[in-house]
C-alpha atoms as a PDB file:
ATOM      1  CA  UNK A   1     -46.611  64.998 -54.959  1.00  0.00           C
ATOM      2  CA  UNK A   2     -49.281  62.795 -56.183  1.00  0.00           C
ATOM      3  CA  UNK A   3     -51.698  61.708 -53.571  1.00  0.00           C
ATOM      4  CA  UNK A   4     -51.741  58.283 -54.947  1.00  0.00           C
ATOM      5  CA  UNK A   5     -47.792  57.929 -54.740  1.00  0.00           C
ATOM      6  CA  UNK A   6     -47.974  59.094 -51.005  1.00  0.00           C
ATOM      7  CA  UNK A   7     -50.510  56.341 -50.083  1.00  0.00           C
ATOM      8  CA  UNK A   8     -48.320  53.699 -51.602  1.00  0.00           C
ATOM      9  CA  UNK A   9     -45.069  54.772 -49.874  1.00  0.00           C
ATOM     10  CA  UNK A  10     -46.948  54.965 -46.547  1.00  0.00           C
ATOM     11  CA  UNK A  11     -48.447  51.494 -47.096  1.00  0.00           C
ATOM     12  CA  UNK A  12     -45.013  50.093 -48.042  1.00  0.00           C
ATOM     13  CA  UNK A  13     -43.489  51.666 -44.778  1.00  0.00           C
ATOM     14  CA  UNK A  14     -46.034  50.008 -42.664  1.00  0.00           C
ATOM     15  CA  UNK A  15     -45.436  46.790 -44.588  1.00  0.00           C
ATOM     16  CA  UNK A  16     -41.642  46.955 -43.758  1.00  0.00           C
ATOM     17  CA  UNK A  17     -42.271  47.917 -40.224  1.00  0.00           C
ATOM     18  CA  UNK A  18     -44.620  45.019 -39.587  1.00  0.00           C
ATOM     19  CA  UNK A  19     -42.275  42.601 -41.240  1.00  0.00           C
ATOM     20  CA  UNK A  20     -39.284  43.796 -39.099  1.00  0.00           C
ATOM     21  CA  UNK A  21     -41.150  43.519 -35.953  1.00  0.00           C
ATOM     22  CA  UNK A  22     -42.277  39.955 -36.847  1.00  0.00           C
ATOM     23  CA  UNK A  23     -38.718  38.925 -37.857  1.00  0.00           C
ATOM     24  CA  UNK A  24     -37.559  40.082 -34.567  1.00  0.00           C
ATOM     25  CA  UNK A  25     -39.942  38.469 -32.452  1.00  0.00           C
ATOM     26  CA  UNK A  26     -39.332  35.332 -34.344  1.00  0.00           C
ATOM     27  CA  UNK A  27     -35.423  35.193 -34.041  1.00  0.00           C
ATOM     28  CA  UNK A  28     -35.633  36.508 -30.142  1.00  0.00           C
ATOM     29  CA  UNK A  29     -38.172  33.658 -29.420  1.00  0.00           C
ATOM     30  CA  UNK A  30     -35.899  31.023 -31.128  1.00  0.00           C
ATOM     31  CA  UNK A  31     -32.578  32.221 -29.549  1.00  0.00           C
ATOM     32  CA  UNK A  32     -33.727  32.567 -26.042  1.00  0.00           C
ATOM     33  CA  UNK A  33     -35.587  29.427 -24.744  1.00  0.00           C
ATOM     34  CA  UNK A  34     -37.844  29.715 -21.889  1.00  0.00           C
ATOM     35  CA  UNK A  35     -35.952  29.215 -18.673  1.00  0.00           C
ATOM     36  CA  UNK A  36     -37.784  26.434 -16.522  1.00  0.00           C
ATOM     37  CA  UNK A  37     -36.869  25.978 -12.872  1.00  0.00           C
ATOM     38  CA  UNK A  38     -35.101  22.844 -12.522  1.00  0.00           C
ATOM     39  CA  UNK A  39     -36.865  20.460 -10.203  1.00  0.00           C
ATOM     40  CA  UNK A  40     -35.058  18.997  -7.401  1.00  0.00           C
ATOM     41  CA  UNK A  41     -34.859  15.332  -7.034  1.00  0.00           C
ATOM     42  CA  UNK A  42     -36.243  14.194  -3.824  1.00  0.00           C
ATOM     43  CA  UNK A  43     -34.297  11.953  -1.601  1.00  0.00           C
ATOM     44  CA  UNK A  44     -35.685   8.489  -1.431  1.00  0.00           C
ATOM     45  CA  UNK A  45     -37.751   7.898   1.761  1.00  0.00           C
ATOM     46  CA  UNK A  46     -36.468   4.767   3.318  1.00  0.00           C
ATOM     47  CA  UNK A  47     -33.898   3.430   5.838  1.00  0.00           C
ATOM     48  CA  UNK A  48     -30.119   4.310   5.240  1.00  0.00           C
ATOM     49  CA  UNK A  49     -28.166   1.438   4.081  1.00  0.00           C
ATOM     50  CA  UNK A  50     -24.534   0.881   3.681  1.00  0.00           C
ATOM     51  CA  UNK A  51     -23.303   1.606   0.023  1.00  0.00           C
ATOM     52  CA  UNK A  52     -19.658   1.928  -1.737  1.00  0.00           C
ATOM     53  CA  UNK A  53     -18.232   5.232  -2.000  1.00  0.00           C
ATOM     54  CA  UNK A  54     -15.969   4.111  -5.014  1.00  0.00           C
ATOM     55  CA  UNK A  55     -15.468   0.956  -6.971  1.00  0.00           C
ATOM     56  CA  UNK A  56     -14.391  -1.916  -4.645  1.00  0.00           C
ATOM     57  CA  UNK A  57     -12.698  -4.696  -6.457  1.00  0.00           C
ATOM     58  CA  UNK A  58     -12.003  -8.275  -4.972  1.00  0.00           C
ATOM     59  CA  UNK A  59      -9.364  -8.201  -2.199  1.00  0.00           C
ATOM     60  CA  UNK A  60     -10.119  -4.367  -1.235  1.00  0.00           C
ATOM     61  CA  UNK A  61      -9.697  -3.927   2.558  1.00  0.00           C
ATOM     62  CA  UNK A  62     -12.576  -1.679   3.843  1.00  0.00           C
ATOM     63  CA  UNK A  63     -11.295   1.576   5.190  1.00  0.00           C
ATOM     64  CA  UNK A  64     -13.425   4.431   6.694  1.00  0.00           C
ATOM     65  CA  UNK A  65     -13.492   6.303   3.446  1.00  0.00           C
ATOM     66  CA  UNK A  66     -14.617   3.127   1.562  1.00  0.00           C
ATOM     67  CA  UNK A  67     -18.354   2.975   2.492  1.00  0.00           C
ATOM     68  CA  UNK A  68     -21.122   5.241   3.921  1.00  0.00           C
ATOM     69  CA  UNK A  69     -24.805   5.241   4.782  1.00  0.00           C
ATOM     70  CA  UNK A  70     -27.358   6.784   2.610  1.00  0.00           C
ATOM     71  CA  UNK A  71     -31.123   6.545   2.286  1.00  0.00           C
ATOM     72  CA  UNK A  72     -32.383   3.843   0.214  1.00  0.00           C
ATOM     73  CA  UNK A  73     -36.035   3.197  -1.161  1.00  0.00           C
ATOM     74  CA  UNK A  74     -37.639   1.017   1.376  1.00  0.00           C
ATOM     75  CA  UNK A  75     -39.274  -1.229  -1.384  1.00  0.00           C
ATOM     76  CA  UNK A  76     -35.646  -1.947  -2.549  1.00  0.00           C
ATOM     77  CA  UNK A  77     -34.084  -2.750   0.812  1.00  0.00           C
ATOM     78  CA  UNK A  78     -33.033  -6.343   1.248  1.00  0.00           C
ATOM     79  CA  UNK A  79     -32.158  -8.648   4.404  1.00  0.00           C
ATOM     80  CA  UNK A  80     -28.752  -8.874   3.257  1.00  0.00           C
ATOM     81  CA  UNK A  81     -27.958  -4.988   3.333  1.00  0.00           C
ATOM     82  CA  UNK A  82     -26.285  -3.320   6.354  1.00  0.00           C
ATOM     83  CA  UNK A  83     -28.783  -0.901   7.922  1.00  0.00           C
ATOM     84  CA  UNK A  84     -27.562   2.105  10.173  1.00  0.00           C
ATOM     85  CA  UNK A  85     -29.641   1.171  12.814  1.00  0.00           C
ATOM     86  CA  UNK A  86     -28.270  -2.254  13.245  1.00  0.00           C
ATOM     87  CA  UNK A  87     -24.758  -1.933  12.126  1.00  0.00           C
ATOM     88  CA  UNK A  88     -21.807   0.297  12.578  1.00  0.00           C
ATOM     89  CA  UNK A  89     -19.049   1.107  10.133  1.00  0.00           C
ATOM     90  CA  UNK A  90     -16.280   0.679  12.787  1.00  0.00           C
ATOM     91  CA  UNK A  91     -17.014  -2.954  13.239  1.00  0.00           C
ATOM     92  CA  UNK A  92     -16.712  -3.481   9.411  1.00  0.00           C
ATOM     93  CA  UNK A  93     -13.166  -1.766   8.993  1.00  0.00           C
ATOM     94  CA  UNK A  94     -10.481  -4.344   8.172  1.00  0.00           C
ATOM     95  CA  UNK A  95     -12.968  -6.783   6.405  1.00  0.00           C
ATOM     96  CA  UNK A  96     -12.148  -7.785   2.893  1.00  0.00           C
ATOM     97  CA  UNK A  97     -14.326  -7.536  -0.278  1.00  0.00           C
ATOM     98  CA  UNK A  98     -15.105 -10.735  -1.549  1.00  0.00           C
ATOM     99  CA  UNK A  99     -17.322  -9.944  -4.708  1.00  0.00           C
ATOM    100  CA  UNK A 100     -16.714  -6.702  -6.649  1.00  0.00           C
ATOM    101  CA  UNK A 101     -18.930  -3.790  -5.769  1.00  0.00           C
ATOM    102  CA  UNK A 102     -19.732  -0.803  -7.943  1.00  0.00           C
ATOM    103  CA  UNK A 103     -19.601   2.690  -6.788  1.00  0.00           C
ATOM    104  CA  UNK A 104     -22.906   3.696  -5.300  1.00  0.00           C
ATOM    105  CA  UNK A 105     -24.066  -0.191  -4.957  1.00  0.00           C
ATOM    106  CA  UNK A 106     -25.185  -1.224  -1.615  1.00  0.00           C
ATOM    107  CA  UNK A 107     -22.932  -3.550   0.319  1.00  0.00           C
ATOM    108  CA  UNK A 108     -24.218  -6.869   1.058  1.00  0.00           C
ATOM    109  CA  UNK A 109     -23.247  -9.053   3.933  1.00  0.00           C
ATOM    110  CA  UNK A 110     -22.088 -11.879   1.763  1.00  0.00           C
ATOM    111  CA  UNK A 111     -19.736  -9.766  -0.157  1.00  0.00           C
ATOM    112  CA  UNK A 112     -17.589  -9.235   2.709  1.00  0.00           C
ATOM    113  CA  UNK A 113     -15.354 -11.616   4.795  1.00  0.00           C
ATOM    114  CA  UNK A 114     -13.881 -10.961   8.206  1.00  0.00           C
ATOM    115  CA  UNK A 115     -10.551 -11.795   9.575  1.00  0.00           C
ATOM    116  CA  UNK A 116     -10.746 -15.168  11.186  1.00  0.00           C
ATOM    117  CA  UNK A 117     -13.218 -16.408   8.625  1.00  0.00           C
ATOM    118  CA  UNK A 118     -12.649 -19.026   6.167  1.00  0.00           C
ATOM    119  CA  UNK A 119     -11.302 -17.694   2.775  1.00  0.00           C
ATOM    120  CA  UNK A 120     -10.222 -14.358   4.413  1.00  0.00           C
ATOM    121  CA  UNK A 121      -6.584 -14.540   3.318  1.00  0.00           C
ATOM    122  CA  UNK A 122      -7.472 -16.143   0.032  1.00  0.00           C
ATOM    123  CA  UNK A 123      -9.838 -13.161  -0.739  1.00  0.00           C
ATOM    124  CA  UNK A 124      -7.257 -10.447   0.477  1.00  0.00           C
ATOM    125  CA  UNK A 125      -4.269 -11.687  -1.388  1.00  0.00           C
ATOM    126  CA  UNK A 126      -3.401 -10.419  -4.790  1.00  0.00           C
ATOM    127  CA  UNK A 127      -2.539 -12.723  -7.725  1.00  0.00           C
ATOM    128  CA  UNK A 128       0.708 -14.208  -6.993  1.00  0.00           C
ATOM    129  CA  UNK A 129       1.360 -13.027  -3.627  1.00  0.00           C
ATOM    130  CA  UNK A 130       1.848 -14.826  -0.214  1.00  0.00           C
ATOM    131  CA  UNK A 131       0.748 -14.017   3.371  1.00  0.00           C
ATOM    132  CA  UNK A 132       3.532 -13.800   6.038  1.00  0.00           C
ATOM    133  CA  UNK A 133       3.164 -13.330   9.556  1.00  0.00           C
ATOM    134  CA  UNK A 134       5.687 -11.264  11.461  1.00  0.00           C
ATOM    135  CA  UNK A 135       5.958 -11.244  15.314  1.00  0.00           C
ATOM    136  CA  UNK A 136       5.878  -7.989  17.005  1.00  0.00           C
ATOM    137  CA  UNK A 137       5.371  -5.931  20.160  1.00  0.00           C
ATOM    138  CA  UNK A 138       4.185  -2.640  21.361  1.00  0.00           C
ATOM    139  CA  UNK A 139       7.698  -1.365  20.690  1.00  0.00           C
ATOM    140  CA  UNK A 140       8.339  -2.981  17.273  1.00  0.00           C
ATOM    141  CA  UNK A 141       4.710  -2.532  16.160  1.00  0.00           C
ATOM    142  CA  UNK A 142       4.064   1.051  16.016  1.00  0.00           C
ATOM    143  CA  UNK A 143       2.239   0.876  19.593  1.00  0.00           C
ATOM    144  CA  UNK A 144      -0.586  -1.029  18.054  1.00  0.00           C
ATOM    145  CA  UNK A 145      -1.382   1.797  15.680  1.00  0.00           C
ATOM    146  CA  UNK A 146      -1.162  -0.496  12.512  1.00  0.00           C
ATOM    147  CA  UNK A 147      -4.443  -1.742  11.045  1.00  0.00           C
ATOM    148  CA  UNK A 148      -5.374  -3.663   8.028  1.00  0.00           C
ATOM    149  CA  UNK A 149      -4.959  -1.718   4.773  1.00  0.00           C
ATOM    150  CA  UNK A 150      -1.864   0.249   6.006  1.00  0.00           C
ATOM    151  CA  UNK A 151       1.338   0.248   4.397  1.00  0.00           C
ATOM    152  CA  UNK A 152       4.434  -0.417   6.398  1.00  0.00           C
ATOM    153  CA  UNK A 153       8.446  -0.744   5.889  1.00  0.00           C
ATOM    154  CA  UNK A 154      10.202  -3.713   7.511  1.00  0.00           C
ATOM    155  CA  UNK A 155      13.203  -2.748   9.374  1.00  0.00           C
ATOM    156  CA  UNK A 156      15.812  -5.405  10.704  1.00  0.00           C
ATOM    157  CA  UNK A 157      17.832  -4.695  13.518  1.00  0.00           C
ATOM    158  CA  UNK A 158      21.142  -6.788  14.244  1.00  0.00           C
ATOM    159  CA  UNK A 159      24.313  -6.956  16.116  1.00  0.00           C
ATOM    160  CA  UNK A 160      27.240  -8.445  14.368  1.00  0.00           C
ATOM    161  CA  UNK A 161      29.574 -10.027  16.992  1.00  0.00           C
ATOM    162  CA  UNK A 162      33.391  -9.638  16.739  1.00  0.00           C
ATOM    163  CA  UNK A 163      36.508  -9.625  18.689  1.00  0.00           C
ATOM    164  CA  UNK A 164      35.662  -7.755  21.991  1.00  0.00           C
ATOM    165  CA  UNK A 165      33.153  -5.497  20.043  1.00  0.00           C
ATOM    166  CA  UNK A 166      29.906  -5.799  17.863  1.00  0.00           C
ATOM    167  CA  UNK A 167      28.447  -3.808  15.172  1.00  0.00           C
ATOM    168  CA  UNK A 168      24.843  -2.546  15.722  1.00  0.00           C
ATOM    169  CA  UNK A 169      22.994  -2.011  12.518  1.00  0.00           C
ATOM    170  CA  UNK A 170      19.493  -1.650  11.323  1.00  0.00           C
ATOM    171  CA  UNK A 171      18.383  -1.975   7.635  1.00  0.00           C
ATOM    172  CA  UNK A 172      15.100  -1.264   5.902  1.00  0.00           C
ATOM    173  CA  UNK A 173      14.757  -4.615   3.982  1.00  0.00           C
ATOM    174  CA  UNK A 174      11.448  -4.328   2.218  1.00  0.00           C
ATOM    175  CA  UNK A 175       9.192  -1.268   1.794  1.00  0.00           C
ATOM    176  CA  UNK A 176       5.585  -0.642   1.052  1.00  0.00           C
ATOM    177  CA  UNK A 177       4.267  -4.103   2.463  1.00  0.00           C
ATOM    178  CA  UNK A 178       0.518  -4.020   2.894  1.00  0.00           C
ATOM    179  CA  UNK A 179      -0.951  -5.248   6.109  1.00  0.00           C
ATOM    180  CA  UNK A 180      -3.740  -7.930   5.717  1.00  0.00           C
ATOM    181  CA  UNK A 181      -4.557  -8.562   9.347  1.00  0.00           C
ATOM    182  CA  UNK A 182      -3.439  -8.318  13.006  1.00  0.00           C
ATOM    183  CA  UNK A 183      -4.446 -10.867  15.727  1.00  0.00           C
ATOM    184  CA  UNK A 184      -6.068  -7.737  17.787  1.00  0.00           C
ATOM    185  CA  UNK A 185      -9.130  -8.856  19.486  1.00  0.00           C
ATOM    186  CA  UNK A 186     -11.834  -6.352  20.704  1.00  0.00           C
ATOM    187  CA  UNK A 187     -14.239  -7.905  23.300  1.00  0.00           C
ATOM    188  CA  UNK A 188     -17.616  -6.477  23.781  1.00  0.00           C
ATOM    189  CA  UNK A 189     -17.386  -6.067  27.539  1.00  0.00           C
ATOM    190  CA  UNK A 190     -15.188  -7.001  30.273  1.00  0.00           C
ATOM    191  CA  UNK A 191     -15.997  -7.914  33.935  1.00  0.00           C
ATOM    192  CA  UNK A 192     -16.397  -4.208  34.641  1.00  0.00           C
ATOM    193  CA  UNK A 193     -18.578  -3.516  31.702  1.00  0.00           C
ATOM    194  CA  UNK A 194     -16.024  -1.620  29.843  1.00  0.00           C
ATOM    195  CA  UNK A 195     -14.892  -2.308  26.097  1.00  0.00           C
ATOM    196  CA  UNK A 196     -11.640  -4.225  26.116  1.00  0.00           C
ATOM    197  CA  UNK A 197      -9.048  -4.160  23.388  1.00  0.00           C
ATOM    198  CA  UNK A 198      -6.354  -6.967  23.346  1.00  0.00           C
ATOM    199  CA  UNK A 199      -3.149  -5.604  21.507  1.00  0.00           C
ATOM    200  CA  UNK A 200      -1.854  -7.729  18.744  1.00  0.00           C
ATOM    201  CA  UNK A 201       1.592  -9.756  18.771  1.00  0.00           C
ATOM    202  CA  UNK A 202       1.518 -10.539  15.227  1.00  0.00           C
ATOM    203  CA  UNK A 203       0.965  -8.833  11.962  1.00  0.00           C
ATOM    204  CA  UNK A 204       0.093 -10.536   8.553  1.00  0.00           C
ATOM    205  CA  UNK A 205       1.497  -8.756   5.541  1.00  0.00           C
ATOM    206  CA  UNK A 206       1.365  -9.507   1.778  1.00  0.00           C
ATOM    207  CA  UNK A 207       4.666 -10.189   0.001  1.00  0.00           C
ATOM    208  CA  UNK A 208       6.068 -11.870  -3.082  1.00  0.00           C
ATOM    209  CA  UNK A 209       7.506 -15.641  -2.563  1.00  0.00           C
ATOM    210  CA  UNK A 210      10.925 -14.150  -2.628  1.00  0.00           C
ATOM    211  CA  UNK A 211      10.129 -11.406  -0.138  1.00  0.00           C
ATOM    212  CA  UNK A 212       8.457 -14.189   2.280  1.00  0.00           C
ATOM    213  CA  UNK A 213      11.801 -16.061   2.036  1.00  0.00           C
ATOM    214  CA  UNK A 214      13.719 -13.044   2.993  1.00  0.00           C
ATOM    215  CA  UNK A 215      11.257 -12.096   5.877  1.00  0.00           C
ATOM    216  CA  UNK A 216      11.580 -15.723   7.368  1.00  0.00           C
ATOM    217  CA  UNK A 217      15.593 -15.676   7.310  1.00  0.00           C
ATOM    218  CA  UNK A 218      15.305 -12.026   8.800  1.00  0.00           C
ATOM    219  CA  UNK A 219      13.303 -13.320  11.859  1.00  0.00           C
ATOM    220  CA  UNK A 220      16.298 -15.591  12.677  1.00  0.00           C
ATOM    221  CA  UNK A 221      18.821 -12.861  12.135  1.00  0.00           C
ATOM    222  CA  UNK A 222      17.574 -10.309  14.419  1.00  0.00           C
ATOM    223  CA  UNK A 223      14.631  -8.149  15.473  1.00  0.00           C
ATOM    224  CA  UNK A 224      11.948  -7.001  13.071  1.00  0.00           C
ATOM    225  CA  UNK A 225      10.140  -3.715  13.539  1.00  0.00           C
ATOM    226  CA  UNK A 226       7.374  -2.206  11.511  1.00  0.00           C
ATOM    227  CA  UNK A 227       7.646   1.453  10.040  1.00  0.00           C
ATOM    228  CA  UNK A 228       4.343   2.920   9.244  1.00  0.00           C
ATOM    229  CA  UNK A 229       4.075   4.631   5.665  1.00  0.00           C
ATOM    230  CA  UNK A 230       2.375   7.730   4.968  1.00  0.00           C
ATOM    231  CA  UNK A 231      -0.352   7.809   2.339  1.00  0.00           C
ATOM    232  CA  UNK A 232       1.627  10.290   0.232  1.00  0.00           C
ATOM    233  CA  UNK A 233       4.781   8.271   0.369  1.00  0.00           C
ATOM    234  CA  UNK A 234       3.910   5.916  -2.380  1.00  0.00           C
ATOM    235  CA  UNK A 235       3.207   8.804  -5.204  1.00  0.00           C
ATOM    236  CA  UNK A 236       6.235  10.800  -4.017  1.00  0.00           C
ATOM    237  CA  UNK A 237       8.635   7.781  -4.302  1.00  0.00           C
ATOM    238  CA  UNK A 238       7.030   6.697  -7.635  1.00  0.00           C
ATOM    239  CA  UNK A 239       7.373  10.315  -9.104  1.00  0.00           C
ATOM    240  CA  UNK A 240      10.984  10.320  -8.106  1.00  0.00           C
ATOM    241  CA  UNK A 241      11.505   6.854  -9.595  1.00  0.00           C
ATOM    242  CA  UNK A 242       9.891   7.931 -13.029  1.00  0.00           C
ATOM    243  CA  UNK A 243      12.035  11.044 -13.172  1.00  0.00           C
ATOM    244  CA  UNK A 244      15.357   9.252 -12.397  1.00  0.00           C
ATOM    245  CA  UNK A 245      14.423   6.542 -15.150  1.00  0.00           C
ATOM    246  CA  UNK A 246      14.183   3.746 -12.763  1.00  0.00           C
ATOM    247  CA  UNK A 247      10.513   3.087 -13.813  1.00  0.00           C
ATOM    248  CA  UNK A 248       9.969   3.010 -17.703  1.00  0.00           C
ATOM    249  CA  UNK A 249       6.238   3.426 -18.788  1.00  0.00           C
ATOM    250  CA  UNK A 250       5.069   1.287 -21.499  1.00  0.00           C
ATOM    251  CA  UNK A 251       5.295   2.622 -25.049  1.00  0.00           C
ATOM    252  CA  UNK A 252       2.385   3.573 -27.116  1.00  0.00           C
ATOM    253  CA  UNK A 253       0.137   3.162 -24.128  1.00  0.00           C
ATOM    254  CA  UNK A 254      -3.070   5.185 -23.663  1.00  0.00           C
ATOM    255  CA  UNK A 255      -3.792   7.220 -20.490  1.00  0.00           C
ATOM    256  CA  UNK A 256      -5.902   4.612 -18.933  1.00  0.00           C
ATOM    257  CA  UNK A 257      -3.218   2.079 -19.499  1.00  0.00           C
ATOM    258  CA  UNK A 258      -0.616   4.449 -17.993  1.00  0.00           C
ATOM    259  CA  UNK A 259      -2.617   5.045 -15.024  1.00  0.00           C
ATOM    260  CA  UNK A 260      -3.217   1.258 -14.325  1.00  0.00           C
ATOM    261  CA  UNK A 261       0.340   0.686 -14.558  1.00  0.00           C
ATOM    262  CA  UNK A 262       1.448   3.398 -12.319  1.00  0.00           C
ATOM    263  CA  UNK A 263      -1.269   2.275  -9.677  1.00  0.00           C
ATOM    264  CA  UNK A 264       0.208  -1.139  -9.936  1.00  0.00           C
ATOM    265  CA  UNK A 265       3.685   0.008  -9.167  1.00  0.00           C
ATOM    266  CA  UNK A 266       2.751   2.373  -6.309  1.00  0.00           C
ATOM    267  CA  UNK A 267       1.105  -0.561  -4.467  1.00  0.00           C
ATOM    268  CA  UNK A 268       3.654  -2.876  -5.018  1.00  0.00           C
ATOM    269  CA  UNK A 269       6.332  -3.885  -2.271  1.00  0.00           C
ATOM    270  CA  UNK A 270       9.966  -3.152  -3.082  1.00  0.00           C
ATOM    271  CA  UNK A 271      13.057  -4.932  -1.666  1.00  0.00           C
ATOM    272  CA  UNK A 272      15.782  -3.220  -3.784  1.00  0.00           C
ATOM    273  CA  UNK A 273      17.885   0.041  -2.744  1.00  0.00           C
ATOM    274  CA  UNK A 274      18.054  -1.272   0.916  1.00  0.00           C
ATOM    275  CA  UNK A 275      19.030   1.489   3.169  1.00  0.00           C
ATOM    276  CA  UNK A 276      20.874   0.755   6.304  1.00  0.00           C
ATOM    277  CA  UNK A 277      22.154   2.727   9.585  1.00  0.00           C
ATOM    278  CA  UNK A 278      25.098   1.493  11.913  1.00  0.00           C
ATOM    279  CA  UNK A 279      25.783   2.445  15.266  1.00  0.00           C
ATOM    280  CA  UNK A 280      28.696   4.603  14.033  1.00  0.00           C
ATOM    281  CA  UNK A 281      26.146   6.732  12.415  1.00  0.00           C
ATOM    282  CA  UNK A 282      24.290   7.368  15.849  1.00  0.00           C
ATOM    283  CA  UNK A 283      26.974   7.634  18.117  1.00  0.00           C
ATOM    284  CA  UNK A 284      30.685   8.351  17.970  1.00  0.00           C
ATOM    285  CA  UNK A 285      31.152   5.502  20.646  1.00  0.00           C
ATOM    286  CA  UNK A 286      29.944   2.699  18.282  1.00  0.00           C
ATOM    287  CA  UNK A 287      31.371   1.054  15.305  1.00  0.00           C
ATOM    288  CA  UNK A 288      30.709   1.748  11.722  1.00  0.00           C
ATOM    289  CA  UNK A 289      32.373  -1.477  10.142  1.00  0.00           C
ATOM    290  CA  UNK A 290      32.161  -4.991  10.699  1.00  0.00           C
ATOM    291  CA  UNK A 291      34.678  -6.163  13.469  1.00  0.00           C
ATOM    292  CA  UNK A 292      37.165  -8.604  12.548  1.00  0.00           C
ATOM    293  CA  UNK A 293      36.901 -12.336  13.617  1.00  0.00           C
ATOM    294  CA  UNK A 294      39.482 -14.832  14.509  1.00  0.00           C
ATOM    295  CA  UNK A 295      39.126 -18.334  13.007  1.00  0.00           C
ATOM    296  CA  UNK A 296      39.292 -20.749  15.676  1.00  0.00           C
ATOM    297  CA  UNK A 297      37.844 -23.599  13.582  1.00  0.00           C
ATOM    298  CA  UNK A 298      41.186 -25.383  13.791  1.00  0.00           C
ATOM    299  CA  UNK A 299      43.152 -26.412  10.558  1.00  0.00           C
ATOM    300  CA  UNK A 300      46.295 -24.963   9.845  1.00  0.00           C
ATOM    301  CA  UNK A 301      45.843 -21.239  10.490  1.00  0.00           C
ATOM    302  CA  UNK A 302      44.347 -19.183  13.330  1.00  0.00           C
ATOM    303  CA  UNK A 303      44.812 -15.924  11.809  1.00  0.00           C
ATOM    304  CA  UNK A 304      41.897 -13.543  11.495  1.00  0.00           C
ATOM    305  CA  UNK A 305      40.424 -13.327   7.856  1.00  0.00           C
ATOM    306  CA  UNK A 306      40.070  -9.806   6.878  1.00  0.00           C
ATOM    307  CA  UNK A 307      36.437  -8.285   6.888  1.00  0.00           C
ATOM    308  CA  UNK A 308      36.686  -7.272   3.363  1.00  0.00           C
ATOM    309  CA  UNK A 309      36.957 -10.848   2.173  1.00  0.00           C
ATOM    310  CA  UNK A 310      33.627 -11.831   4.053  1.00  0.00           C
ATOM    311  CA  UNK A 311      30.873 -12.224   1.332  1.00  0.00           C
ATOM    312  CA  UNK A 312      27.554 -10.503   2.525  1.00  0.00           C
ATOM    313  CA  UNK A 313      24.202 -12.142   2.221  1.00  0.00           C
ATOM    314  CA  UNK A 314      20.903 -11.237   0.533  1.00  0.00           C
ATOM    315  CA  UNK A 315      19.118 -10.189   3.475  1.00  0.00           C
ATOM    316  CA  UNK A 316      21.635  -8.467   5.551  1.00  0.00           C
ATOM    317  CA  UNK A 317      25.194  -6.992   5.056  1.00  0.00           C
ATOM    318  CA  UNK A 318      26.048  -8.571   8.274  1.00  0.00           C
ATOM    319  CA  UNK A 319      25.829 -12.267   6.866  1.00  0.00           C
ATOM    320  CA  UNK A 320      29.155 -14.387   6.888  1.00  0.00           C
ATOM    321  CA  UNK A 321      29.467 -16.746   4.110  1.00  0.00           C
ATOM    322  CA  UNK A 322      32.121 -18.761   2.600  1.00  0.00           C
ATOM    323  CA  UNK A 323      35.295 -16.680   1.345  1.00  0.00           C
ATOM    324  CA  UNK A 324      38.516 -17.472  -0.372  1.00  0.00           C
ATOM    325  CA  UNK A 325      41.683 -15.711   0.889  1.00  0.00           C
ATOM    326  CA  UNK A 326      44.902 -16.083  -1.166  1.00  0.00           C
ATOM    327  CA  UNK A 327      48.121 -15.406   0.792  1.00  0.00           C
ATOM    328  CA  UNK A 328      51.317 -16.520  -1.068  1.00  0.00           C
ATOM    329  CA  UNK A 329      51.538 -20.058  -2.133  1.00  0.00           C
ATOM    330  CA  UNK A 330      48.432 -21.322  -0.246  1.00  0.00           C
ATOM    331  CA  UNK A 331      44.867 -20.688  -0.411  1.00  0.00           C
ATOM    332  CA  UNK A 332      42.752 -20.494   2.707  1.00  0.00           C
ATOM    333  CA  UNK A 333      39.160 -21.432   2.247  1.00  0.00           C
ATOM    334  CA  UNK A 334      36.695 -20.458   4.909  1.00  0.00           C
ATOM    335  CA  UNK A 335      33.369 -22.008   5.387  1.00  0.00           C
ATOM    336  CA  UNK A 336      31.701 -20.468   8.463  1.00  0.00           C
ATOM    337  CA  UNK A 337      34.240 -21.000  11.365  1.00  0.00           C
ATOM    338  CA  UNK A 338      35.974 -24.084   9.553  1.00  0.00           C
ATOM    339  CA  UNK A 339      39.299 -22.799   7.572  1.00  0.00           C
ATOM    340  CA  UNK A 340      41.029 -25.231   5.097  1.00  0.00           C
ATOM    341  CA  UNK A 341      44.371 -24.620   3.603  1.00  0.00           C
ATOM    342  CA  UNK A 342      44.879 -25.926   0.079  1.00  0.00           C
ATOM    343  CA  UNK A 343      48.449 -25.300  -1.507  1.00  0.00           C
ATOM    344  CA  UNK A 344      48.382 -23.654  -4.842  1.00  0.00           C
ATOM    345  CA  UNK A 345      47.871 -26.158  -7.523  1.00  0.00           C
ATOM    346  CA  UNK A 346      46.442 -28.540  -5.097  1.00  0.00           C
ATOM    347  CA  UNK A 347      42.895 -30.199  -5.204  1.00  0.00           C
END
């Protein structure tokens, strides 16, 4: 082979190898960027202040998971902040948010209102809701383990009198009521230097105007008791209602609107589908129906009116209302204990 051709081939081979090496280095450098160590963000050096763990809108009742202490830059600390050295979270439980607080924002003293302060109930109540106070005892108030922010069911227990016997019954008349406040008081120290807690005798709940009327009537019928609800009960009941078709989601709504709609339903009190238990369901020696009553209100008849003709009230199935009983040629109109006999065709 010609010597000149060999030199040209060797030179071309060297150029090709050099070009391939440079191209490989170029592509490798662009595809694999240098890995730099992530610099850890140093915690601010300063006092620990109280901040919101999540967004707290107006009317939110402070619970242990709502707020927490965390370090805050000393230059940004204000006198209105709650400092860990001078404040305790347990003393703020049950207070209500007066001004909206975003997640991670420090909680100021002016943004919370305590029970007993002016404007407490106005800040705690939702739009269109009412505050109703229910008298309770250690037996009917879950032994004092009810605190602001909890949700309870309202149970009415009564005795419907009859001829020689009575019907014992209890009804869950309203479910999912939010507790706004109790009259529980915690004194700093008693005479012996110990912290003294005085149990509450009343509980204030949030209800609609119609429910407030029912609660007022229920207090005159029998004894009201509180039944503390689990946190998971609301979601479980809501899922069952949606599956059964009792709750219909708005058509064409986006995910955020549906979540807001479902959350509003889960936190709303309910007074439908009232459940009840009679004495006959508990003991075989108790009645399970309303006992008959003799009408002794005078008039033309003293015969007992059948229990099936007694109209039930809105709050309790044991309420006795006016009833009309037709027997032959006359009509007996019963109003309470008074019976009036009206001939057929009369006025």
